[in-house]
N, C-alpha and C. Protein backbone atom coordinates (compact mmCIF):
# COMPACT_ATOMS: atom_id res chain seq x y z
N MET A 1 -10.01 13.27 5.33
CA MET A 1 -11.18 12.89 4.56
C MET A 1 -12.26 12.40 5.54
N LYS A 2 -13.46 12.85 5.30
CA LYS A 2 -14.59 12.49 6.16
C LYS A 2 -15.00 11.04 5.90
N PRO A 3 -15.54 10.38 6.92
CA PRO A 3 -15.98 8.99 6.73
C PRO A 3 -17.04 8.84 5.64
N GLU A 4 -17.90 9.86 5.49
CA GLU A 4 -18.93 9.79 4.44
C GLU A 4 -18.28 9.79 3.06
N GLU A 5 -17.24 10.60 2.89
CA GLU A 5 -16.55 10.65 1.60
C GLU A 5 -15.86 9.31 1.31
N LEU A 6 -15.23 8.77 2.34
CA LEU A 6 -14.55 7.49 2.18
C LEU A 6 -15.54 6.39 1.81
N MET A 7 -16.69 6.39 2.47
CA MET A 7 -17.71 5.39 2.16
C MET A 7 -18.23 5.57 0.74
N GLY A 8 -18.31 6.80 0.29
CA GLY A 8 -18.71 7.06 -1.10
C GLY A 8 -17.71 6.47 -2.08
N HIS A 9 -16.42 6.59 -1.78
CA HIS A 9 -15.39 6.02 -2.64
C HIS A 9 -15.44 4.49 -2.63
N VAL A 10 -15.69 3.92 -1.46
CA VAL A 10 -15.81 2.46 -1.35
C VAL A 10 -16.99 1.97 -2.19
N THR A 11 -18.11 2.66 -2.07
CA THR A 11 -19.30 2.28 -2.82
C THR A 11 -19.08 2.43 -4.32
N ALA A 12 -18.46 3.54 -4.72
CA ALA A 12 -18.18 3.76 -6.14
C ALA A 12 -17.26 2.68 -6.68
N GLY A 13 -16.26 2.32 -5.90
CA GLY A 13 -15.34 1.26 -6.33
C GLY A 13 -16.03 -0.08 -6.47
N ALA A 14 -16.91 -0.39 -5.53
CA ALA A 14 -17.63 -1.66 -5.59
C ALA A 14 -18.53 -1.72 -6.82
N PHE A 15 -19.25 -0.64 -7.08
CA PHE A 15 -20.12 -0.62 -8.26
C PHE A 15 -19.32 -0.63 -9.56
N ALA A 16 -18.19 0.07 -9.57
CA ALA A 16 -17.34 0.08 -10.77
C ALA A 16 -16.80 -1.32 -11.05
N GLY A 17 -16.35 -2.00 -10.00
CA GLY A 17 -15.85 -3.36 -10.18
C GLY A 17 -16.92 -4.30 -10.69
N ALA A 18 -18.12 -4.18 -10.14
CA ALA A 18 -19.23 -5.03 -10.59
C ALA A 18 -19.59 -4.74 -12.04
N ALA A 19 -19.61 -3.46 -12.42
CA ALA A 19 -19.96 -3.09 -13.79
C ALA A 19 -18.93 -3.60 -14.79
N VAL A 20 -17.67 -3.48 -14.45
CA VAL A 20 -16.61 -3.96 -15.34
C VAL A 20 -16.70 -5.47 -15.51
N GLU A 21 -16.87 -6.18 -14.41
CA GLU A 21 -16.98 -7.64 -14.50
C GLU A 21 -18.20 -8.05 -15.30
N LEU A 22 -19.32 -7.38 -15.07
CA LEU A 22 -20.55 -7.71 -15.77
C LEU A 22 -20.40 -7.50 -17.28
N ALA A 23 -19.70 -6.44 -17.66
CA ALA A 23 -19.54 -6.13 -19.08
C ALA A 23 -18.47 -6.99 -19.75
N LEU A 24 -17.37 -7.24 -19.07
CA LEU A 24 -16.23 -7.89 -19.73
C LEU A 24 -16.12 -9.39 -19.50
N TYR A 25 -16.81 -9.92 -18.51
CA TYR A 25 -16.69 -11.36 -18.22
C TYR A 25 -17.07 -12.23 -19.42
N PRO A 26 -18.18 -11.95 -20.11
CA PRO A 26 -18.51 -12.80 -21.26
C PRO A 26 -17.45 -12.74 -22.36
N LEU A 27 -16.87 -11.56 -22.57
CA LEU A 27 -15.84 -11.45 -23.61
C LEU A 27 -14.60 -12.25 -23.23
N ASN A 28 -14.23 -12.20 -21.97
CA ASN A 28 -13.09 -12.97 -21.50
C ASN A 28 -13.38 -14.47 -21.58
N THR A 29 -14.61 -14.85 -21.29
CA THR A 29 -15.00 -16.26 -21.38
C THR A 29 -14.89 -16.75 -22.82
N ILE A 30 -15.39 -15.97 -23.76
CA ILE A 30 -15.31 -16.34 -25.18
C ILE A 30 -13.86 -16.48 -25.61
N LYS A 31 -13.03 -15.50 -25.25
CA LYS A 31 -11.62 -15.53 -25.61
C LYS A 31 -10.93 -16.78 -25.07
N THR A 32 -11.17 -17.07 -23.80
CA THR A 32 -10.53 -18.22 -23.17
C THR A 32 -10.99 -19.52 -23.79
N ARG A 33 -12.26 -19.65 -24.05
CA ARG A 33 -12.78 -20.90 -24.63
C ARG A 33 -12.31 -21.09 -26.07
N LEU A 34 -12.20 -20.00 -26.82
CA LEU A 34 -11.69 -20.13 -28.18
C LEU A 34 -10.22 -20.50 -28.19
N GLN A 35 -9.46 -19.96 -27.24
CA GLN A 35 -8.04 -20.30 -27.16
C GLN A 35 -7.84 -21.75 -26.74
N ALA A 36 -8.72 -22.26 -25.90
CA ALA A 36 -8.58 -23.62 -25.39
C ALA A 36 -9.23 -24.66 -26.30
N ALA A 37 -10.03 -24.21 -27.26
CA ALA A 37 -10.79 -25.13 -28.12
C ALA A 37 -9.86 -25.87 -29.07
N ARG A 38 -10.18 -27.14 -29.25
CA ARG A 38 -9.45 -27.96 -30.22
C ARG A 38 -10.45 -28.49 -31.23
N GLY A 39 -10.05 -28.50 -32.46
CA GLY A 39 -10.89 -29.08 -33.49
C GLY A 39 -12.13 -28.25 -33.81
N GLY A 40 -12.06 -26.95 -33.65
CA GLY A 40 -13.15 -26.07 -34.06
C GLY A 40 -14.39 -26.15 -33.20
N SER A 41 -14.25 -26.42 -31.91
CA SER A 41 -15.45 -26.44 -31.06
C SER A 41 -15.99 -25.02 -30.91
N SER A 42 -17.27 -24.91 -30.72
CA SER A 42 -17.91 -23.59 -30.68
C SER A 42 -18.17 -23.15 -29.24
N VAL A 43 -18.46 -21.87 -29.11
CA VAL A 43 -18.77 -21.29 -27.80
C VAL A 43 -20.28 -21.33 -27.60
N ASN A 44 -20.73 -21.85 -26.47
CA ASN A 44 -22.15 -21.92 -26.15
C ASN A 44 -22.55 -20.62 -25.46
N LEU A 45 -23.45 -19.87 -26.06
CA LEU A 45 -23.84 -18.56 -25.52
C LEU A 45 -24.58 -18.66 -24.20
N LYS A 46 -25.15 -19.83 -23.89
CA LYS A 46 -25.87 -19.99 -22.62
C LYS A 46 -24.94 -19.93 -21.42
N HIS A 47 -23.69 -20.30 -21.63
CA HIS A 47 -22.76 -20.45 -20.51
C HIS A 47 -21.74 -19.33 -20.42
N LEU A 48 -22.05 -18.16 -20.94
CA LEU A 48 -21.09 -17.06 -20.92
C LEU A 48 -20.77 -16.58 -19.51
N TYR A 49 -21.72 -16.69 -18.60
CA TYR A 49 -21.51 -16.20 -17.24
C TYR A 49 -21.23 -17.33 -16.25
N LYS A 50 -20.89 -18.50 -16.75
CA LYS A 50 -20.57 -19.62 -15.86
C LYS A 50 -19.28 -19.29 -15.11
N GLY A 51 -19.33 -19.36 -13.79
CA GLY A 51 -18.18 -19.00 -12.97
C GLY A 51 -18.12 -17.53 -12.60
N PHE A 52 -19.12 -16.78 -12.99
CA PHE A 52 -19.15 -15.33 -12.75
C PHE A 52 -19.21 -15.00 -11.26
N GLY A 53 -19.93 -15.80 -10.49
CA GLY A 53 -20.10 -15.52 -9.06
C GLY A 53 -18.79 -15.46 -8.31
N GLY A 54 -17.93 -16.43 -8.54
CA GLY A 54 -16.64 -16.44 -7.87
C GLY A 54 -15.77 -15.28 -8.29
N ASN A 55 -15.85 -14.93 -9.55
CA ASN A 55 -15.04 -13.82 -10.06
C ASN A 55 -15.49 -12.49 -9.46
N ILE A 56 -16.78 -12.28 -9.38
CA ILE A 56 -17.27 -11.01 -8.85
C ILE A 56 -17.05 -10.91 -7.34
N LEU A 57 -17.03 -12.06 -6.65
CA LEU A 57 -16.75 -12.04 -5.22
C LEU A 57 -15.34 -11.55 -4.92
N GLY A 58 -14.45 -11.69 -5.86
CA GLY A 58 -13.10 -11.16 -5.69
C GLY A 58 -12.94 -9.75 -6.22
N ALA A 59 -13.60 -9.45 -7.33
CA ALA A 59 -13.41 -8.16 -7.99
C ALA A 59 -14.05 -7.01 -7.23
N VAL A 60 -15.23 -7.21 -6.69
CA VAL A 60 -15.94 -6.12 -6.01
C VAL A 60 -15.17 -5.63 -4.78
N PRO A 61 -14.76 -6.50 -3.86
CA PRO A 61 -13.99 -5.99 -2.72
C PRO A 61 -12.64 -5.40 -3.12
N ALA A 62 -12.00 -5.99 -4.13
CA ALA A 62 -10.70 -5.46 -4.57
C ALA A 62 -10.84 -4.05 -5.11
N CYS A 63 -11.84 -3.80 -5.92
CA CYS A 63 -12.06 -2.45 -6.47
C CYS A 63 -12.49 -1.48 -5.38
N ALA A 64 -13.29 -1.94 -4.44
CA ALA A 64 -13.72 -1.08 -3.34
C ALA A 64 -12.52 -0.64 -2.50
N VAL A 65 -11.63 -1.56 -2.19
CA VAL A 65 -10.44 -1.22 -1.41
C VAL A 65 -9.52 -0.31 -2.22
N PHE A 66 -9.38 -0.59 -3.51
CA PHE A 66 -8.53 0.25 -4.36
C PHE A 66 -9.01 1.69 -4.35
N PHE A 67 -10.30 1.91 -4.55
CA PHE A 67 -10.84 3.27 -4.55
C PHE A 67 -10.69 3.92 -3.18
N ALA A 68 -10.90 3.14 -2.12
CA ALA A 68 -10.81 3.67 -0.76
C ALA A 68 -9.39 4.10 -0.43
N VAL A 69 -8.40 3.45 -0.99
CA VAL A 69 -7.00 3.82 -0.74
C VAL A 69 -6.54 4.89 -1.72
N TYR A 70 -6.92 4.76 -2.97
CA TYR A 70 -6.45 5.66 -4.02
C TYR A 70 -6.84 7.11 -3.78
N GLU A 71 -8.10 7.36 -3.48
CA GLU A 71 -8.57 8.74 -3.35
C GLU A 71 -7.90 9.50 -2.21
N PRO A 72 -7.80 8.96 -0.99
CA PRO A 72 -7.10 9.70 0.07
C PRO A 72 -5.61 9.90 -0.22
N VAL A 73 -4.98 8.89 -0.82
CA VAL A 73 -3.56 9.04 -1.17
C VAL A 73 -3.38 10.12 -2.23
N LYS A 74 -4.26 10.13 -3.21
CA LYS A 74 -4.20 11.16 -4.25
C LYS A 74 -4.37 12.55 -3.64
N LEU A 75 -5.29 12.68 -2.71
CA LEU A 75 -5.52 13.96 -2.04
C LEU A 75 -4.29 14.39 -1.25
N GLN A 76 -3.70 13.49 -0.49
CA GLN A 76 -2.51 13.81 0.30
C GLN A 76 -1.32 14.17 -0.59
N LEU A 77 -1.15 13.46 -1.68
CA LEU A 77 -0.04 13.76 -2.58
C LEU A 77 -0.23 15.09 -3.28
N SER A 78 -1.45 15.42 -3.65
CA SER A 78 -1.68 16.71 -4.30
C SER A 78 -1.41 17.86 -3.34
N VAL A 79 -1.73 17.68 -2.07
CA VAL A 79 -1.43 18.71 -1.06
C VAL A 79 0.08 18.81 -0.87
N ALA A 80 0.77 17.68 -0.80
CA ALA A 80 2.22 17.69 -0.59
C ALA A 80 2.96 18.29 -1.77
N VAL A 81 2.51 18.02 -2.98
CA VAL A 81 3.18 18.54 -4.17
C VAL A 81 2.94 20.03 -4.32
N SER A 82 1.77 20.49 -3.96
CA SER A 82 1.45 21.92 -4.12
C SER A 82 2.18 22.80 -3.12
N GLN A 83 2.72 22.22 -2.05
CA GLN A 83 3.42 23.03 -1.04
C GLN A 83 4.83 23.32 -1.42
């Protein structure tokens, strides 16, 4: 695999991780706060992304590495299986 292709997979993984976190973080926050709430406390919509920075700092590199490893391994396995 060429370095340009690998960098493309890394970039795609990073953007995919960021998009997933951006879309699902508020839903996960609501779920967690409702589960932890006692006595019918409500969810404050202003704070849906509180703590998002730390979460995305872990998710983006993890997804980038996953894509960078997954695609070359998938390519090698498809070549090995077809032989």
